[in-house]
Amino acid sequence: MSVPNEKFIVDAQGKRTGVILDVDQYQRLLEDLEELESIRVYDAAKASGEEAIPFDDAMREIEAARK
């Protein structure tokens, strides 16, 4: 992903301490981060070797635990 017109916040010594992003770029980064987290969770579940349960069963268990 290219970042045109990078804008940095610098301290008194000129060291970069922050970055200013366009709102659209920020939103894309958040979406990419969410997708990566989903991939990590999937990979961890797959590697665990545990048996998967159907979504409806999982929801019933969650609802029962709330009561």
N, C-alpha and C. Protein backbone atom coordinates (compact mmCIF):
# COMPACT_ATOMS: atom_id res chain seq x y z
N MET A 1 0.84 -1.17 0.00
CA MET A 1 0.00 0.00 0.00
C MET A 1 0.89 1.23 0.00
N SER A 2 0.73 2.06 -0.97
CA SER A 2 1.52 3.28 -1.01
C SER A 2 0.84 4.35 -0.17
N VAL A 3 1.65 5.20 0.42
CA VAL A 3 1.14 6.26 1.27
C VAL A 3 1.59 7.60 0.69
N PRO A 4 0.76 8.19 -0.17
CA PRO A 4 1.15 9.48 -0.74
C PRO A 4 1.04 10.59 0.29
N ASN A 5 1.89 11.58 0.14
CA ASN A 5 1.83 12.75 1.02
C ASN A 5 1.91 12.40 2.50
N GLU A 6 2.91 11.62 2.87
CA GLU A 6 3.09 11.27 4.27
C GLU A 6 3.29 12.54 5.09
N LYS A 7 2.65 12.58 6.25
CA LYS A 7 2.78 13.72 7.15
C LYS A 7 3.14 13.19 8.53
N PHE A 8 4.23 13.70 9.08
CA PHE A 8 4.69 13.23 10.37
C PHE A 8 4.63 14.34 11.40
N ILE A 9 4.45 13.93 12.64
CA ILE A 9 4.57 14.82 13.79
C ILE A 9 5.97 14.59 14.33
N VAL A 10 6.71 15.65 14.57
CA VAL A 10 8.08 15.52 15.07
C VAL A 10 8.23 16.26 16.39
N ASP A 11 9.19 15.80 17.20
CA ASP A 11 9.48 16.49 18.45
C ASP A 11 10.48 17.61 18.20
N ALA A 12 10.93 18.25 19.27
CA ALA A 12 11.84 19.40 19.15
C ALA A 12 13.17 19.03 18.49
N GLN A 13 13.56 17.75 18.57
CA GLN A 13 14.81 17.30 17.96
C GLN A 13 14.61 16.82 16.52
N GLY A 14 13.39 16.88 16.03
CA GLY A 14 13.10 16.45 14.67
C GLY A 14 12.82 14.95 14.55
N LYS A 15 12.75 14.26 15.69
CA LYS A 15 12.46 12.82 15.68
C LYS A 15 10.96 12.61 15.43
N ARG A 16 10.65 11.71 14.51
CA ARG A 16 9.26 11.40 14.20
C ARG A 16 8.60 10.74 15.41
N THR A 17 7.49 11.29 15.83
CA THR A 17 6.78 10.76 16.99
C THR A 17 5.35 10.33 16.65
N GLY A 18 4.87 10.68 15.48
CA GLY A 18 3.51 10.33 15.08
C GLY A 18 3.34 10.50 13.60
N VAL A 19 2.19 10.12 13.13
CA VAL A 19 1.88 10.23 11.71
C VAL A 19 0.44 10.69 11.56
N ILE A 20 0.19 11.48 10.56
CA ILE A 20 -1.15 11.93 10.25
C ILE A 20 -1.60 11.18 9.00
N LEU A 21 -2.74 10.50 9.13
CA LEU A 21 -3.26 9.72 8.02
C LEU A 21 -4.57 10.32 7.52
N ASP A 22 -4.79 10.17 6.24
CA ASP A 22 -6.08 10.49 5.65
C ASP A 22 -7.10 9.53 6.27
N VAL A 23 -8.31 9.98 6.50
CA VAL A 23 -9.33 9.15 7.12
C VAL A 23 -9.56 7.86 6.33
N ASP A 24 -9.56 7.94 5.01
CA ASP A 24 -9.75 6.74 4.19
C ASP A 24 -8.60 5.75 4.38
N GLN A 25 -7.37 6.25 4.46
CA GLN A 25 -6.23 5.37 4.70
C GLN A 25 -6.34 4.71 6.06
N TYR A 26 -6.73 5.49 7.05
CA TYR A 26 -6.89 4.96 8.41
C TYR A 26 -7.95 3.86 8.41
N GLN A 27 -9.06 4.09 7.76
CA GLN A 27 -10.15 3.11 7.71
C GLN A 27 -9.67 1.83 7.03
N ARG A 28 -8.91 1.95 5.94
CA ARG A 28 -8.38 0.76 5.25
C ARG A 28 -7.43 -0.01 6.16
N LEU A 29 -6.61 0.70 6.91
CA LEU A 29 -5.70 0.04 7.85
C LEU A 29 -6.48 -0.74 8.91
N LEU A 30 -7.54 -0.15 9.43
CA LEU A 30 -8.36 -0.84 10.42
C LEU A 30 -9.01 -2.08 9.83
N GLU A 31 -9.51 -1.97 8.61
CA GLU A 31 -10.13 -3.12 7.95
C GLU A 31 -9.10 -4.23 7.71
N ASP A 32 -7.90 -3.84 7.27
CA ASP A 32 -6.84 -4.84 7.05
C ASP A 32 -6.45 -5.50 8.36
N LEU A 33 -6.38 -4.73 9.42
CA LEU A 33 -6.03 -5.27 10.74
C LEU A 33 -7.08 -6.27 11.21
N GLU A 34 -8.35 -5.94 11.00
CA GLU A 34 -9.43 -6.84 11.38
C GLU A 34 -9.36 -8.14 10.58
N GLU A 35 -9.07 -8.03 9.30
CA GLU A 35 -8.95 -9.23 8.47
C GLU A 35 -7.77 -10.10 8.92
N LEU A 36 -6.65 -9.47 9.23
CA LEU A 36 -5.49 -10.23 9.71
C LEU A 36 -5.79 -10.94 11.03
N GLU A 37 -6.52 -10.27 11.91
CA GLU A 37 -6.89 -10.89 13.18
C GLU A 37 -7.78 -12.10 12.94
N SER A 38 -8.71 -12.01 12.01
CA SER A 38 -9.57 -13.15 11.68
C SER A 38 -8.74 -14.31 11.15
N ILE A 39 -7.76 -14.01 10.34
CA ILE A 39 -6.87 -15.06 9.81
C ILE A 39 -6.09 -15.71 10.94
N ARG A 40 -5.58 -14.91 11.86
CA ARG A 40 -4.81 -15.45 13.00
C ARG A 40 -5.69 -16.37 13.86
N VAL A 41 -6.92 -15.93 14.12
CA VAL A 41 -7.84 -16.74 14.92
C VAL A 41 -8.15 -18.05 14.21
N TYR A 42 -8.39 -17.97 12.92
CA TYR A 42 -8.65 -19.18 12.13
C TYR A 42 -7.46 -20.13 12.18
N ASP A 43 -6.26 -19.59 11.96
CA ASP A 43 -5.05 -20.43 11.99
C ASP A 43 -4.86 -21.08 13.35
N ALA A 44 -5.11 -20.32 14.42
CA ALA A 44 -4.96 -20.87 15.78
C ALA A 44 -5.98 -21.97 16.03
N ALA A 45 -7.22 -21.77 15.58
CA ALA A 45 -8.25 -22.79 15.76
C ALA A 45 -7.91 -24.04 14.97
N LYS A 46 -7.43 -23.85 13.77
CA LYS A 46 -7.06 -24.99 12.92
C LYS A 46 -5.90 -25.78 13.55
N ALA A 47 -4.92 -25.05 14.09
CA ALA A 47 -3.74 -25.69 14.68
C ALA A 47 -4.05 -26.38 16.00
N SER A 48 -5.12 -25.97 16.67
CA SER A 48 -5.43 -26.55 17.99
C SER A 48 -5.86 -28.00 17.88
N GLY A 49 -6.37 -28.39 16.73
CA GLY A 49 -6.81 -29.77 16.56
C GLY A 49 -8.13 -30.08 17.23
N GLU A 50 -8.75 -29.08 17.86
CA GLU A 50 -10.03 -29.31 18.52
C GLU A 50 -11.13 -29.49 17.47
N GLU A 51 -12.16 -30.23 17.87
CA GLU A 51 -13.28 -30.46 16.96
C GLU A 51 -14.12 -29.19 16.86
N ALA A 52 -14.47 -28.81 15.65
CA ALA A 52 -15.32 -27.64 15.44
C ALA A 52 -16.77 -27.99 15.76
N ILE A 53 -17.50 -27.00 16.28
CA ILE A 53 -18.92 -27.22 16.53
C ILE A 53 -19.71 -26.28 15.62
N PRO A 54 -20.90 -26.69 15.23
CA PRO A 54 -21.72 -25.83 14.38
C PRO A 54 -22.03 -24.49 15.06
N PHE A 55 -22.17 -23.46 14.28
CA PHE A 55 -22.42 -22.12 14.79
C PHE A 55 -23.66 -22.07 15.67
N ASP A 56 -24.75 -22.69 15.23
CA ASP A 56 -25.99 -22.67 16.01
C ASP A 56 -25.80 -23.30 17.38
N ASP A 57 -25.03 -24.40 17.45
CA ASP A 57 -24.75 -25.03 18.74
C ASP A 57 -23.94 -24.10 19.63
N ALA A 58 -22.97 -23.44 19.05
CA ALA A 58 -22.14 -22.51 19.83
C ALA A 58 -23.00 -21.38 20.38
N MET A 59 -23.90 -20.85 19.57
CA MET A 59 -24.77 -19.76 20.03
C MET A 59 -25.68 -20.23 21.16
N ARG A 60 -26.21 -21.45 21.06
CA ARG A 60 -27.05 -21.99 22.14
C ARG A 60 -26.25 -22.10 23.44
N GLU A 61 -25.00 -22.56 23.34
CA GLU A 61 -24.16 -22.67 24.54
C GLU A 61 -23.89 -21.30 25.15
N ILE A 62 -23.63 -20.31 24.31
CA ILE A 62 -23.38 -18.96 24.81
C ILE A 62 -24.62 -18.41 25.49
N GLU A 63 -25.76 -18.56 24.86
CA GLU A 63 -27.02 -18.07 25.45
C GLU A 63 -27.32 -18.77 26.77
N ALA A 64 -27.08 -20.08 26.84
CA ALA A 64 -27.34 -20.81 28.07
C ALA A 64 -26.40 -20.34 29.18
N ALA A 65 -25.17 -19.99 28.86
CA ALA A 65 -24.22 -19.53 29.86
C ALA A 65 -24.59 -18.16 30.40
N ARG A 66 -25.31 -17.37 29.63
CA ARG A 66 -25.72 -16.02 30.06
C ARG A 66 -26.83 -16.07 31.10
N LYS A 67 -27.57 -17.16 31.15
CA LYS A 67 -28.73 -17.26 32.06
C LYS A 67 -28.33 -17.62 33.44
